Amino acid sequence: MMKLKALPDVPRWAAVAAHAVPLIVLPSGLWRLALTFGAPVARVDDPSLRQAVFQIVLTALAELLAFLTLGLVREWGEVFPRRLPFLGGRPVGARGATIAALAGAFGLTALTCWFAYVAYAGIGENAPGTHTESPLQDALFYACYLPLLAWAPLLAAVAVAYHRRRAGLTSAGPRP
């Protein structure tokens, strides 16, 4: 059985879900980087330096935010690491961390709904941007981006488990 780094009182499913989040975000980032560096994954209407920087920053930001999900199952999600100036060694507020994680899940859900609406309504079909030109490119695009649909529900589930654990709640009610 695979060993996952998590605190002892973290449910196994929550540890698995938290570790899955950075992995499900990775394919879309790799697709964007491939696009940025000229791999034939799609056609780009604006291959400018500005667009390349945007793609790289978006990829790094998405992975960083996905990586923060691990804080909900590891020690650094309960006590700030000592190496952090001003915060090192202080406890992480459970309410603040839970609210931030659930706000992130809500934001991801809103973005998903918006992109689904745009795709369904055909709004942007002729807009400049990135266009796939073959069924193989389409399949690669979907294979890289469809896993992102799991990000919000996984984050929300891990955030609720974090809140329950930090608040001392179990299936039988609060801890004595």
Protein backbone atom coordinates (compact mmCIF):
# COMPACT_ATOMS: atom_id res chain seq x y z
CA MET A 1 0.00 0.00 0.00
CA MET A 2 1.25 3.49 -0.87
CA LYS A 3 2.32 5.65 2.10
CA LEU A 4 1.05 9.24 2.06
CA LYS A 5 2.41 11.98 4.27
CA ALA A 6 -0.40 13.14 6.53
CA LEU A 7 -1.10 13.68 10.20
CA PRO A 8 -2.15 10.54 12.08
CA ASP A 9 -5.75 11.66 12.67
CA VAL A 10 -6.40 12.52 9.00
CA PRO A 11 -8.81 10.09 7.33
CA ARG A 12 -7.08 8.09 4.59
CA TRP A 13 -9.56 9.27 1.96
CA ALA A 14 -8.76 12.92 2.81
CA ALA A 15 -5.01 12.29 2.51
CA VAL A 16 -5.51 10.59 -0.87
CA ALA A 17 -7.76 13.42 -2.09
CA ALA A 18 -5.33 16.12 -0.92
CA HIS A 19 -2.41 14.40 -2.65
CA ALA A 20 -4.47 13.95 -5.82
CA VAL A 21 -5.17 17.67 -6.27
CA PRO A 22 -1.67 18.75 -7.41
CA LEU A 23 -1.58 15.72 -9.71
CA ILE A 24 -4.89 16.53 -11.41
CA VAL A 25 -3.79 20.14 -11.97
CA LEU A 26 -0.45 19.10 -13.48
CA PRO A 27 -1.62 17.93 -16.96
CA SER A 28 -3.23 21.28 -17.82
CA GLY A 29 -0.05 23.08 -16.74
CA LEU A 30 2.08 20.79 -18.86
CA TRP A 31 -0.25 21.44 -21.82
CA ARG A 32 0.11 25.22 -21.34
CA LEU A 33 3.89 24.94 -21.08
CA ALA A 34 4.01 22.76 -24.20
CA LEU A 35 1.93 25.37 -26.00
CA THR A 36 4.14 28.19 -24.74
CA PHE A 37 7.34 26.51 -25.89
CA GLY A 38 6.04 25.68 -29.36
CA ALA A 39 4.90 22.07 -29.16
CA PRO A 40 2.18 21.35 -31.74
CA VAL A 41 -0.65 20.96 -29.21
CA ALA A 42 -2.70 23.84 -30.68
CA ARG A 43 -2.44 26.99 -32.79
CA VAL A 44 -1.81 30.24 -30.93
CA ASP A 45 -3.08 33.48 -32.46
CA ASP A 46 -0.86 35.65 -30.24
CA PRO A 47 2.55 34.01 -29.68
CA SER A 48 3.89 37.13 -27.92
CA LEU A 49 6.23 37.27 -24.94
CA ARG A 50 3.36 38.69 -22.89
CA GLN A 51 1.21 35.64 -23.65
CA ALA A 52 4.10 33.28 -22.86
CA VAL A 53 4.70 34.96 -19.50
CA PHE A 54 0.96 34.77 -18.75
CA GLN A 55 0.88 31.03 -19.52
CA ILE A 56 3.93 30.33 -17.33
CA VAL A 57 2.65 32.44 -14.42
CA LEU A 58 -0.81 30.85 -14.65
CA THR A 59 0.74 27.38 -14.60
CA ALA A 60 2.93 28.16 -11.59
CA LEU A 61 0.06 29.83 -9.71
CA ALA A 62 -2.33 26.93 -10.35
CA GLU A 63 0.21 24.38 -9.11
CA LEU A 64 1.02 26.50 -6.05
CA LEU A 65 -2.67 26.80 -5.15
CA ALA A 66 -3.19 23.08 -5.74
CA PHE A 67 -0.18 22.30 -3.55
CA LEU A 68 -1.74 24.29 -0.69
CA THR A 69 -4.40 21.57 -0.43
CA LEU A 70 -1.73 19.41 1.18
CA GLY A 71 -1.66 21.84 4.10
CA LEU A 72 -5.10 20.60 5.04
CA VAL A 73 -3.68 17.16 5.88
CA ARG A 74 -0.14 17.97 6.99
CA GLU A 75 1.44 19.65 10.00
CA TRP A 76 2.11 22.94 8.18
CA GLY A 77 -1.64 23.35 7.88
CA GLU A 78 -1.90 23.49 11.66
CA VAL A 79 1.31 25.31 12.64
CA PHE A 80 3.16 27.68 10.32
CA PRO A 81 6.67 26.39 9.51
CA ARG A 82 9.36 28.04 11.64
CA ARG A 83 11.19 29.36 8.56
CA LEU A 84 8.35 31.80 7.80
CA PRO A 85 9.08 35.30 9.05
CA PHE A 86 6.57 36.72 11.56
CA LEU A 87 4.31 33.64 11.38
CA GLY A 88 6.75 30.77 11.98
CA GLY A 89 5.70 28.53 14.87
CA ARG A 90 2.29 30.14 15.29
CA PRO A 91 -0.87 28.05 14.94
CA VAL A 92 -2.83 28.30 11.71
CA GLY A 93 -6.38 29.47 12.37
CA ALA A 94 -8.66 26.55 11.56
CA ARG A 95 -11.58 28.81 10.68
CA GLY A 96 -9.49 31.00 8.38
CA ALA A 97 -7.90 28.03 6.61
CA THR A 98 -11.29 26.37 6.17
CA ILE A 99 -12.91 29.55 4.84
CA ALA A 100 -9.99 30.13 2.44
CA ALA A 101 -10.18 26.55 1.16
CA LEU A 102 -13.97 26.62 0.73
CA ALA A 103 -13.75 30.03 -0.97
CA GLY A 104 -11.20 28.52 -3.34
CA ALA A 105 -13.53 25.59 -4.04
CA PHE A 106 -16.40 28.00 -4.67
CA GLY A 107 -14.22 30.12 -6.98
CA LEU A 108 -13.14 27.05 -8.92
CA THR A 109 -16.77 25.96 -9.24
CA ALA A 110 -17.76 29.42 -10.51
CA LEU A 111 -14.93 29.37 -13.06
CA THR A 112 -15.92 25.89 -14.19
CA CYS A 113 -19.53 26.98 -14.64
CA TRP A 114 -18.46 30.08 -16.54
CA PHE A 115 -16.20 28.13 -18.91
CA ALA A 116 -18.92 25.52 -19.44
CA TYR A 117 -21.39 28.30 -20.28
CA VAL A 118 -18.94 29.94 -22.69
CA ALA A 119 -18.24 26.62 -24.39
CA TYR A 120 -21.94 25.69 -24.59
CA ALA A 121 -23.05 29.12 -25.81
CA GLY A 122 -20.23 29.22 -28.34
CA ILE A 123 -19.17 32.65 -27.08
CA GLY A 124 -15.54 32.88 -28.08
CA GLU A 125 -15.62 30.45 -30.98
CA ASN A 126 -14.17 33.06 -33.34
CA ALA A 127 -12.30 35.04 -30.70
CA PRO A 128 -8.51 35.20 -30.93
CA GLY A 129 -6.65 32.82 -28.66
CA THR A 130 -5.75 29.15 -28.86
CA HIS A 131 -7.37 26.80 -31.35
CA THR A 132 -6.96 23.06 -31.78
CA GLU A 133 -6.78 21.97 -35.40
CA SER A 134 -7.10 18.19 -35.31
CA PRO A 135 -8.98 15.47 -33.44
CA LEU A 136 -5.70 14.40 -31.81
CA GLN A 137 -5.11 17.93 -30.48
CA ASP A 138 -8.71 18.00 -29.23
CA ALA A 139 -8.25 14.67 -27.43
CA LEU A 140 -5.00 15.84 -25.83
CA PHE A 141 -6.61 19.12 -24.74
CA TYR A 142 -9.55 17.32 -23.11
CA ALA A 143 -7.30 14.70 -21.52
CA CYS A 144 -5.27 17.50 -19.93
CA TYR A 145 -8.14 19.76 -18.88
CA LEU A 146 -10.99 17.42 -17.87
CA PRO A 147 -9.24 16.30 -14.65
CA LEU A 148 -9.58 19.91 -13.45
CA LEU A 149 -13.30 19.22 -12.95
CA ALA A 150 -12.34 17.22 -9.84
CA TRP A 151 -10.32 20.04 -8.25
CA ALA A 152 -13.20 21.94 -6.60
CA PRO A 153 -15.04 18.92 -5.15
CA LEU A 154 -11.81 17.38 -3.85
CA LEU A 155 -10.73 20.67 -2.26
CA ALA A 156 -14.17 21.15 -0.67
CA ALA A 157 -14.20 17.60 0.74
CA VAL A 158 -10.69 17.92 2.18
CA ALA A 159 -11.57 21.35 3.63
CA VAL A 160 -14.63 19.92 5.38
CA ALA A 161 -12.55 17.02 6.74
CA TYR A 162 -9.93 19.55 7.96
CA HIS A 163 -12.60 21.60 9.69
CA ARG A 164 -14.16 18.55 11.33
CA ARG A 165 -10.78 17.31 12.50
CA ARG A 166 -9.61 20.68 13.82
CA ALA A 167 -12.97 21.38 15.51
CA GLY A 168 -12.83 17.96 17.20
CA LEU A 169 -15.88 16.61 15.39
CA THR A 170 -16.24 12.91 14.63
CA SER A 171 -19.11 10.89 13.22
CA ALA A 172 -20.26 10.37 16.81
CA GLY A 173 -20.26 14.11 17.55
CA PRO A 174 -17.74 16.39 19.27
CA ARG A 175 -14.76 14.89 21.07
CA PRO A 176 -15.21 14.66 24.85
